[in-house]
Amino acid sequence: MKINNNKEERVEVMALFGYEMTPCQPLNFKRRGGEEIEVTELLKTQVHFAGKSAKHIFDVLAGRQIYRLTFDSVDLTWEAELI
């Protein structure tokens, strides 16, 4: 099961907070159908600010696939996108 056409999909993320120099590190995420995907490497992190909102963006490697996980600091949701 793949994320279609690079569209974002809401996911549940297990993350480690306060880890060394990275304040948040995604460990794995679960898709709607229950498929659990393990993050094997954190490639890049960035934060985008818009008004009072911040979106925390994580590019991660999961097996051979690269995903972009986005955390919305206002509604506390995660989204995944295959990149």
PDB file of N, CA and C in Angstrom:
ATOM      1  N   MET A   1       0.847  -1.171   0.000  1.00  0.00           N
ATOM      2  CA  MET A   1       0.000   0.000   0.000  1.00  0.00           C
ATOM      3  C   MET A   1       0.891   1.232   0.000  1.00  0.00           C
ATOM      4  N   LYS A   2       0.733   2.094  -0.985  1.00  0.00           N
ATOM      5  CA  LYS A   2       1.555   3.292  -1.093  1.00  0.00           C
ATOM      6  C   LYS A   2       0.677   4.522  -1.031  1.00  0.00           C
ATOM      7  N   ILE A   3       1.281   5.630  -0.619  1.00  0.00           N
ATOM      8  CA  ILE A   3       0.582   6.909  -0.622  1.00  0.00           C
ATOM      9  C   ILE A   3       0.498   7.347  -2.080  1.00  0.00           C
ATOM     10  N   ASN A   4      -0.707   7.596  -2.567  1.00  0.00           N
ATOM     11  CA  ASN A   4      -0.933   7.866  -3.977  1.00  0.00           C
ATOM     12  C   ASN A   4      -0.531   9.276  -4.390  1.00  0.00           C
ATOM     13  N   ASN A   5       0.184   9.366  -5.498  1.00  0.00           N
ATOM     14  CA  ASN A   5       0.514  10.631  -6.147  1.00  0.00           C
ATOM     15  C   ASN A   5       1.051  11.699  -5.204  1.00  0.00           C
ATOM     16  N   ASN A   6       1.858  11.297  -4.252  1.00  0.00           N
ATOM     17  CA  ASN A   6       2.504  12.223  -3.326  1.00  0.00           C
ATOM     18  C   ASN A   6       1.514  13.095  -2.554  1.00  0.00           C
ATOM     19  N   LYS A   7       0.309  12.604  -2.319  1.00  0.00           N
ATOM     20  CA  LYS A   7      -0.677  13.349  -1.541  1.00  0.00           C
ATOM     21  C   LYS A   7      -0.468  13.062  -0.064  1.00  0.00           C
ATOM     22  N   GLU A   8      -0.723  14.072   0.749  1.00  0.00           N
ATOM     23  CA  GLU A   8      -0.568  13.904   2.189  1.00  0.00           C
ATOM     24  C   GLU A   8      -1.683  13.031   2.751  1.00  0.00           C
ATOM     25  N   GLU A   9      -1.333  12.242   3.724  1.00  0.00           N
ATOM     26  CA  GLU A   9      -2.270  11.346   4.394  1.00  0.00           C
ATOM     27  C   GLU A   9      -2.069  11.502   5.896  1.00  0.00           C
ATOM     28  N   ARG A  10      -3.157  11.634   6.641  1.00  0.00           N
ATOM     29  CA  ARG A  10      -3.045  11.746   8.090  1.00  0.00           C
ATOM     30  C   ARG A  10      -2.586  10.409   8.657  1.00  0.00           C
ATOM     31  N   VAL A  11      -1.609  10.468   9.573  1.00  0.00           N
ATOM     32  CA  VAL A  11      -1.031   9.268  10.170  1.00  0.00           C
ATOM     33  C   VAL A  11      -0.884   9.457  11.675  1.00  0.00           C
ATOM     34  N   GLU A  12      -0.677   8.340  12.379  1.00  0.00           N
ATOM     35  CA  GLU A  12      -0.332   8.364  13.801  1.00  0.00           C
ATOM     36  C   GLU A  12       1.167   8.142  13.896  1.00  0.00           C
ATOM     37  N   VAL A  13       1.853   8.963  14.681  1.00  0.00           N
ATOM     38  CA  VAL A  13       3.310   8.886  14.766  1.00  0.00           C
ATOM     39  C   VAL A  13       3.745   8.603  16.198  1.00  0.00           C
ATOM     40  N   MET A  14       4.691   7.690  16.336  1.00  0.00           N
ATOM     41  CA  MET A  14       5.378   7.461  17.606  1.00  0.00           C
ATOM     42  C   MET A  14       6.693   8.212  17.488  1.00  0.00           C
ATOM     43  N   ALA A  15       6.899   9.175  18.393  1.00  0.00           N
ATOM     44  CA  ALA A  15       8.101  10.006  18.312  1.00  0.00           C
ATOM     45  C   ALA A  15       8.779  10.089  19.671  1.00  0.00           C
ATOM     46  N   LEU A  16      10.070  10.321  19.626  1.00  0.00           N
ATOM     47  CA  LEU A  16      10.872  10.501  20.819  1.00  0.00           C
ATOM     48  C   LEU A  16      11.155  11.998  20.945  1.00  0.00           C
ATOM     49  N   PHE A  17      10.765  12.589  22.075  1.00  0.00           N
ATOM     50  CA  PHE A  17      10.951  14.023  22.283  1.00  0.00           C
ATOM     51  C   PHE A  17      12.120  14.270  23.223  1.00  0.00           C
ATOM     52  N   GLY A  18      12.877  15.359  22.957  1.00  0.00           N
ATOM     53  CA  GLY A  18      13.998  15.729  23.801  1.00  0.00           C
ATOM     54  C   GLY A  18      15.188  14.816  23.634  1.00  0.00           C
ATOM     55  N   TYR A  19      15.442  14.358  22.399  1.00  0.00           N
ATOM     56  CA  TYR A  19      16.525  13.418  22.116  1.00  0.00           C
ATOM     57  C   TYR A  19      17.751  14.179  21.623  1.00  0.00           C
ATOM     58  N   GLU A  20      18.809  14.210  22.412  1.00  0.00           N
ATOM     59  CA  GLU A  20      20.080  14.850  22.082  1.00  0.00           C
ATOM     60  C   GLU A  20      19.864  16.224  21.459  1.00  0.00           C
ATOM     61  N   MET A  21      20.418  16.479  20.283  1.00  0.00           N
ATOM     62  CA  MET A  21      20.301  17.789  19.640  1.00  0.00           C
ATOM     63  C   MET A  21      19.013  17.926  18.827  1.00  0.00           C
ATOM     64  N   THR A  22      18.273  16.849  18.664  1.00  0.00           N
ATOM     65  CA  THR A  22      17.017  16.881  17.924  1.00  0.00           C
ATOM     66  C   THR A  22      15.871  16.866  18.925  1.00  0.00           C
ATOM     67  N   PRO A  23      15.086  17.944  19.011  1.00  0.00           N
ATOM     68  CA  PRO A  23      14.013  17.989  20.011  1.00  0.00           C
ATOM     69  C   PRO A  23      12.905  16.950  19.779  1.00  0.00           C
ATOM     70  N   CYS A  24      12.744  16.479  18.540  1.00  0.00           N
ATOM     71  CA  CYS A  24      11.738  15.465  18.232  1.00  0.00           C
ATOM     72  C   CYS A  24      12.281  14.564  17.132  1.00  0.00           C
ATOM     73  N   GLN A  25      12.133  13.263  17.332  1.00  0.00           N
ATOM     74  CA  GLN A  25      12.578  12.299  16.328  1.00  0.00           C
ATOM     75  C   GLN A  25      11.480  11.264  16.107  1.00  0.00           C
ATOM     76  N   PRO A  26      10.852  11.248  14.905  1.00  0.00           N
ATOM     77  CA  PRO A  26       9.855  10.222  14.609  1.00  0.00           C
ATOM     78  C   PRO A  26      10.499   8.839  14.570  1.00  0.00           C
ATOM     79  N   LEU A  27       9.869   7.862  15.219  1.00  0.00           N
ATOM     80  CA  LEU A  27      10.391   6.495  15.248  1.00  0.00           C
ATOM     81  C   LEU A  27       9.652   5.586  14.271  1.00  0.00           C
ATOM     82  N   ASN A  28       8.326   5.725  14.217  1.00  0.00           N
ATOM     83  CA  ASN A  28       7.514   4.979  13.264  1.00  0.00           C
ATOM     84  C   ASN A  28       6.179   5.691  13.097  1.00  0.00           C
ATOM     85  N   PHE A  29       5.426   5.287  12.072  1.00  0.00           N
ATOM     86  CA  PHE A  29       4.092   5.858  11.886  1.00  0.00           C
ATOM     87  C   PHE A  29       3.145   4.803  11.361  1.00  0.00           C
ATOM     88  N   LYS A  30       1.875   4.999  11.682  1.00  0.00           N
ATOM     89  CA  LYS A  30       0.836   4.040  11.321  1.00  0.00           C
ATOM     90  C   LYS A  30      -0.146   4.716  10.372  1.00  0.00           C
ATOM     91  N   ARG A  31      -0.403   4.037   9.265  1.00  0.00           N
ATOM     92  CA  ARG A  31      -1.325   4.551   8.250  1.00  0.00           C
ATOM     93  C   ARG A  31      -2.750   4.119   8.562  1.00  0.00           C
ATOM     94  N   ARG A  32      -3.708   4.672   7.832  1.00  0.00           N
ATOM     95  CA  ARG A  32      -5.130   4.398   8.053  1.00  0.00           C
ATOM     96  C   ARG A  32      -5.472   2.918   8.073  1.00  0.00           C
ATOM     97  N   GLY A  33      -4.920   2.135   7.186  1.00  0.00           N
ATOM     98  CA  GLY A  33      -5.221   0.708   7.112  1.00  0.00           C
ATOM     99  C   GLY A  33      -4.548  -0.112   8.202  1.00  0.00           C
ATOM    100  N   GLY A  34      -3.773   0.541   9.074  1.00  0.00           N
ATOM    101  CA  GLY A  34      -3.092  -0.169  10.145  1.00  0.00           C
ATOM    102  C   GLY A  34      -1.657  -0.535   9.836  1.00  0.00           C
ATOM    103  N   GLU A  35      -1.215  -0.275   8.598  1.00  0.00           N
ATOM    104  CA  GLU A  35       0.172  -0.580   8.227  1.00  0.00           C
ATOM    105  C   GLU A  35       1.112   0.305   9.038  1.00  0.00           C
ATOM    106  N   GLU A  36       2.071  -0.319   9.702  1.00  0.00           N
ATOM    107  CA  GLU A  36       3.041   0.414  10.506  1.00  0.00           C
ATOM    108  C   GLU A  36       4.363   0.477   9.751  1.00  0.00           C
ATOM    109  N   ILE A  37       4.917   1.676   9.654  1.00  0.00           N
ATOM    110  CA  ILE A  37       6.145   1.902   8.907  1.00  0.00           C
ATOM    111  C   ILE A  37       7.214   2.400   9.870  1.00  0.00           C
ATOM    112  N   GLU A  38       8.334   1.698   9.909  1.00  0.00           N
ATOM    113  CA  GLU A  38       9.430   2.051  10.807  1.00  0.00           C
ATOM    114  C   GLU A  38      10.377   3.029  10.125  1.00  0.00           C
ATOM    115  N   VAL A  39      10.698   4.105  10.818  1.00  0.00           N
ATOM    116  CA  VAL A  39      11.662   5.085  10.329  1.00  0.00           C
ATOM    117  C   VAL A  39      13.059   4.529  10.591  1.00  0.00           C
ATOM    118  N   THR A  40      13.856   4.423   9.531  1.00  0.00           N
ATOM    119  CA  THR A  40      15.200   3.886   9.685  1.00  0.00           C
ATOM    120  C   THR A  40      16.256   4.983   9.809  1.00  0.00           C
ATOM    121  N   GLU A  41      15.935   6.196   9.312  1.00  0.00           N
ATOM    122  CA  GLU A  41      16.903   7.292   9.400  1.00  0.00           C
ATOM    123  C   GLU A  41      16.191   8.640   9.285  1.00  0.00           C
ATOM    124  N   LEU A  42      16.590   9.582  10.116  1.00  0.00           N
ATOM    125  CA  LEU A  42      16.104  10.960  10.036  1.00  0.00           C
ATOM    126  C   LEU A  42      17.056  11.705   9.109  1.00  0.00           C
ATOM    127  N   LEU A  43      16.529  12.197   7.975  1.00  0.00           N
ATOM    128  CA  LEU A  43      17.376  12.826   6.967  1.00  0.00           C
ATOM    129  C   LEU A  43      17.496  14.339   7.150  1.00  0.00           C
ATOM    130  N   LYS A  44      16.382  14.990   7.458  1.00  0.00           N
ATOM    131  CA  LYS A  44      16.377  16.454   7.517  1.00  0.00           C
ATOM    132  C   LYS A  44      15.192  16.918   8.341  1.00  0.00           C
ATOM    133  N   THR A  45      15.382  18.008   9.082  1.00  0.00           N
ATOM    134  CA  THR A  45      14.278  18.617   9.822  1.00  0.00           C
ATOM    135  C   THR A  45      14.255  20.104   9.522  1.00  0.00           C
ATOM    136  N   GLN A  46      13.050  20.673   9.568  1.00  0.00           N
ATOM    137  CA  GLN A  46      12.883  22.107   9.395  1.00  0.00           C
ATOM    138  C   GLN A  46      11.578  22.539  10.040  1.00  0.00           C
ATOM    139  N   VAL A  47      11.458  23.825  10.313  1.00  0.00           N
ATOM    140  CA  VAL A  47      10.239  24.381  10.899  1.00  0.00           C
ATOM    141  C   VAL A  47       9.803  25.558  10.041  1.00  0.00           C
ATOM    142  N   HIS A  48       8.508  25.579   9.701  1.00  0.00           N
ATOM    143  CA  HIS A  48       7.930  26.696   8.960  1.00  0.00           C
ATOM    144  C   HIS A  48       6.950  27.404   9.880  1.00  0.00           C
ATOM    145  N   PHE A  49       7.129  28.714  10.048  1.00  0.00           N
ATOM    146  CA  PHE A  49       6.249  29.515  10.899  1.00  0.00           C
ATOM    147  C   PHE A  49       5.291  30.313  10.033  1.00  0.00           C
ATOM    148  N   ALA A  50       4.020  30.348  10.459  1.00  0.00           N
ATOM    149  CA  ALA A  50       2.990  31.147   9.792  1.00  0.00           C
ATOM    150  C   ALA A  50       2.081  31.710  10.869  1.00  0.00           C
ATOM    151  N   GLY A  51       2.276  32.972  11.206  1.00  0.00           N
ATOM    152  CA  GLY A  51       1.505  33.569  12.286  1.00  0.00           C
ATOM    153  C   GLY A  51       1.843  32.897  13.604  1.00  0.00           C
ATOM    154  N   LYS A  52       0.808  32.402  14.290  1.00  0.00           N
ATOM    155  CA  LYS A  52       1.016  31.714  15.568  1.00  0.00           C
ATOM    156  C   LYS A  52       1.230  30.218  15.393  1.00  0.00           C
ATOM    157  N   SER A  53       1.234  29.767  14.166  1.00  0.00           N
ATOM    158  CA  SER A  53       1.354  28.345  13.870  1.00  0.00           C
ATOM    159  C   SER A  53       2.778  27.984  13.465  1.00  0.00           C
ATOM    160  N   ALA A  54       3.153  26.752  13.755  1.00  0.00           N
ATOM    161  CA  ALA A  54       4.435  26.208  13.304  1.00  0.00           C
ATOM    162  C   ALA A  54       4.190  24.810  12.758  1.00  0.00           C
ATOM    163  N   LYS A  55       4.792  24.528  11.617  1.00  0.00           N
ATOM    164  CA  LYS A  55       4.757  23.186  11.052  1.00  0.00           C
ATOM    165  C   LYS A  55       6.168  22.629  11.121  1.00  0.00           C
ATOM    166  N   HIS A  56       6.288  21.504  11.805  1.00  0.00           N
ATOM    167  CA  HIS A  56       7.572  20.834  11.958  1.00  0.00           C
ATOM    168  C   HIS A  56       7.644  19.750  10.882  1.00  0.00           C
ATOM    169  N   ILE A  57       8.667  19.812  10.059  1.00  0.00           N
ATOM    170  CA  ILE A  57       8.768  18.937   8.892  1.00  0.00           C
ATOM    171  C   ILE A  57       9.991  18.032   9.046  1.00  0.00           C
ATOM    172  N   PHE A  58       9.760  16.736   8.849  1.00  0.00           N
ATOM    173  CA  PHE A  58      10.808  15.726   8.992  1.00  0.00           C
ATOM    174  C   PHE A  58      10.870  14.910   7.708  1.00  0.00           C
ATOM    175  N   ASP A  59      12.003  14.915   7.041  1.00  0.00           N
ATOM    176  CA  ASP A  59      12.222  14.015   5.915  1.00  0.00           C
ATOM    177  C   ASP A  59      12.909  12.781   6.495  1.00  0.00           C
ATOM    178  N   VAL A  60      12.282  11.625   6.282  1.00  0.00           N
ATOM    179  CA  VAL A  60      12.774  10.395   6.895  1.00  0.00           C
ATOM    180  C   VAL A  60      12.904   9.294   5.852  1.00  0.00           C
ATOM    181  N   LEU A  61      13.804   8.383   6.132  1.00  0.00           N
ATOM    182  CA  LEU A  61      13.975   7.194   5.313  1.00  0.00           C
ATOM    183  C   LEU A  61      13.307   6.038   6.041  1.00  0.00           C
ATOM    184  N   ALA A  62      12.483   5.303   5.311  1.00  0.00           N
ATOM    185  CA  ALA A  62      11.813   4.126   5.854  1.00  0.00           C
ATOM    186  C   ALA A  62      12.030   3.003   4.848  1.00  0.00           C
ATOM    187  N   GLY A  63      12.988   2.151   5.139  1.00  0.00           N
ATOM    188  CA  GLY A  63      13.373   1.129   4.155  1.00  0.00           C
ATOM    189  C   GLY A  63      14.041   1.823   2.982  1.00  0.00           C
ATOM    190  N   ARG A  64      13.431   1.701   1.795  1.00  0.00           N
ATOM    191  CA  ARG A  64      13.965   2.365   0.598  1.00  0.00           C
ATOM    192  C   ARG A  64      13.151   3.583   0.196  1.00  0.00           C
ATOM    193  N   GLN A  65      12.127   3.903   0.963  1.00  0.00           N
ATOM    194  CA  GLN A  65      11.246   5.022   0.634  1.00  0.00           C
ATOM    195  C   GLN A  65      11.597   6.250   1.471  1.00  0.00           C
ATOM    196  N   ILE A  66      11.435   7.429   0.883  1.00  0.00           N
ATOM    197  CA  ILE A  66      11.618   8.677   1.624  1.00  0.00           C
ATOM    198  C   ILE A  66      10.245   9.308   1.809  1.00  0.00           C
ATOM    199  N   TYR A  67       9.934   9.609   3.067  1.00  0.00           N
ATOM    200  CA  TYR A  67       8.662  10.229   3.420  1.00  0.00           C
ATOM    201  C   TYR A  67       8.918  11.600   4.041  1.00  0.00           C
ATOM    202  N   ARG A  68       7.960  12.475   3.884  1.00  0.00           N
ATOM    203  CA  ARG A  68       7.964  13.747   4.596  1.00  0.00           C
ATOM    204  C   ARG A  68       6.836  13.675   5.623  1.00  0.00           C
ATOM    205  N   LEU A  69       7.211  13.743   6.898  1.00  0.00           N
ATOM    206  CA  LEU A  69       6.243  13.772   7.990  1.00  0.00           C
ATOM    207  C   LEU A  69       6.114  15.213   8.455  1.00  0.00           C
ATOM    208  N   THR A  70       4.888  15.694   8.582  1.00  0.00           N
ATOM    209  CA  THR A  70       4.641  17.072   8.991  1.00  0.00           C
ATOM    210  C   THR A  70       3.770  17.081  10.235  1.00  0.00           C
ATOM    211  N   PHE A  71       4.236  17.798  11.262  1.00  0.00           N
ATOM    212  CA  PHE A  71       3.490  17.948  12.516  1.00  0.00           C
ATOM    213  C   PHE A  71       2.973  19.374  12.593  1.00  0.00           C
ATOM    214  N   ASP A  72       1.653  19.527  12.759  1.00  0.00           N
ATOM    215  CA  ASP A  72       1.019  20.832  12.886  1.00  0.00           C
ATOM    216  C   ASP A  72       0.896  21.165  14.367  1.00  0.00           C
ATOM    217  N   SER A  73       1.542  22.237  14.805  1.00  0.00           N
ATOM    218  CA  SER A  73       1.577  22.588  16.228  1.00  0.00           C
ATOM    219  C   SER A  73       0.259  23.143  16.745  1.00  0.00           C
ATOM    220  N   VAL A  74      -0.661  23.522  15.858  1.00  0.00           N
ATOM    221  CA  VAL A  74      -1.953  24.056  16.295  1.00  0.00           C
ATOM    222  C   VAL A  74      -2.951  22.935  16.556  1.00  0.00           C
ATOM    223  N   ASP A  75      -3.165  22.071  15.561  1.00  0.00           N
ATOM    224  CA  ASP A  75      -4.161  21.006  15.758  1.00  0.00           C
ATOM    225  C   ASP A  75      -3.533  19.671  16.174  1.00  0.00           C
ATOM    226  N   LEU A  76      -2.208  19.661  16.349  1.00  0.00           N
ATOM    227  CA  LEU A  76      -1.470  18.490  16.858  1.00  0.00           C
ATOM    228  C   LEU A  76      -1.669  17.231  16.016  1.00  0.00           C
ATOM    229  N   THR A  77      -1.703  17.407  14.686  1.00  0.00           N
ATOM    230  CA  THR A  77      -1.854  16.274  13.785  1.00  0.00           C
ATOM    231  C   THR A  77      -0.578  16.058  12.991  1.00  0.00           C
ATOM    232  N   TRP A  78      -0.412  14.815  12.545  1.00  0.00           N
ATOM    233  CA  TRP A  78       0.713  14.436  11.698  1.00  0.00           C
ATOM    234  C   TRP A  78       0.177  14.044  10.326  1.00  0.00           C
ATOM    235  N   GLU A  79       0.935  14.381   9.274  1.00  0.00           N
ATOM    236  CA  GLU A  79       0.623  13.943   7.928  1.00  0.00           C
ATOM    237  C   GLU A  79       1.882  13.367   7.305  1.00  0.00           C
ATOM    238  N   ALA A  80       1.717  12.376   6.436  1.00  0.00           N
ATOM    239  CA  ALA A  80       2.841  11.753   5.735  1.00  0.00           C
ATOM    240  C   ALA A  80       2.649  11.922   4.236  1.00  0.00           C
ATOM    241  N   GLU A  81       3.766  12.072   3.555  1.00  0.00           N
ATOM    242  CA  GLU A  81       3.767  12.222   2.112  1.00  0.00           C
ATOM    243  C   GLU A  81       4.982  11.498   1.564  1.00  0.00           C
ATOM    244  N   LEU A  82       4.782  10.680   0.551  1.00  0.00           N
ATOM    245  CA  LEU A  82       5.883   9.983  -0.108  1.00  0.00           C
ATOM    246  C   LEU A  82       6.558  10.968  -1.050  1.00  0.00           C
ATOM    247  N   ILE A  83       7.884  11.144  -0.892  1.00  0.00           N
ATOM    248  CA  ILE A  83       8.581  12.112  -1.755  1.00  0.00           C
ATOM    249  C   ILE A  83       9.639  11.426  -2.584  1.00  0.00           C
TER     250      ILE A  83
END
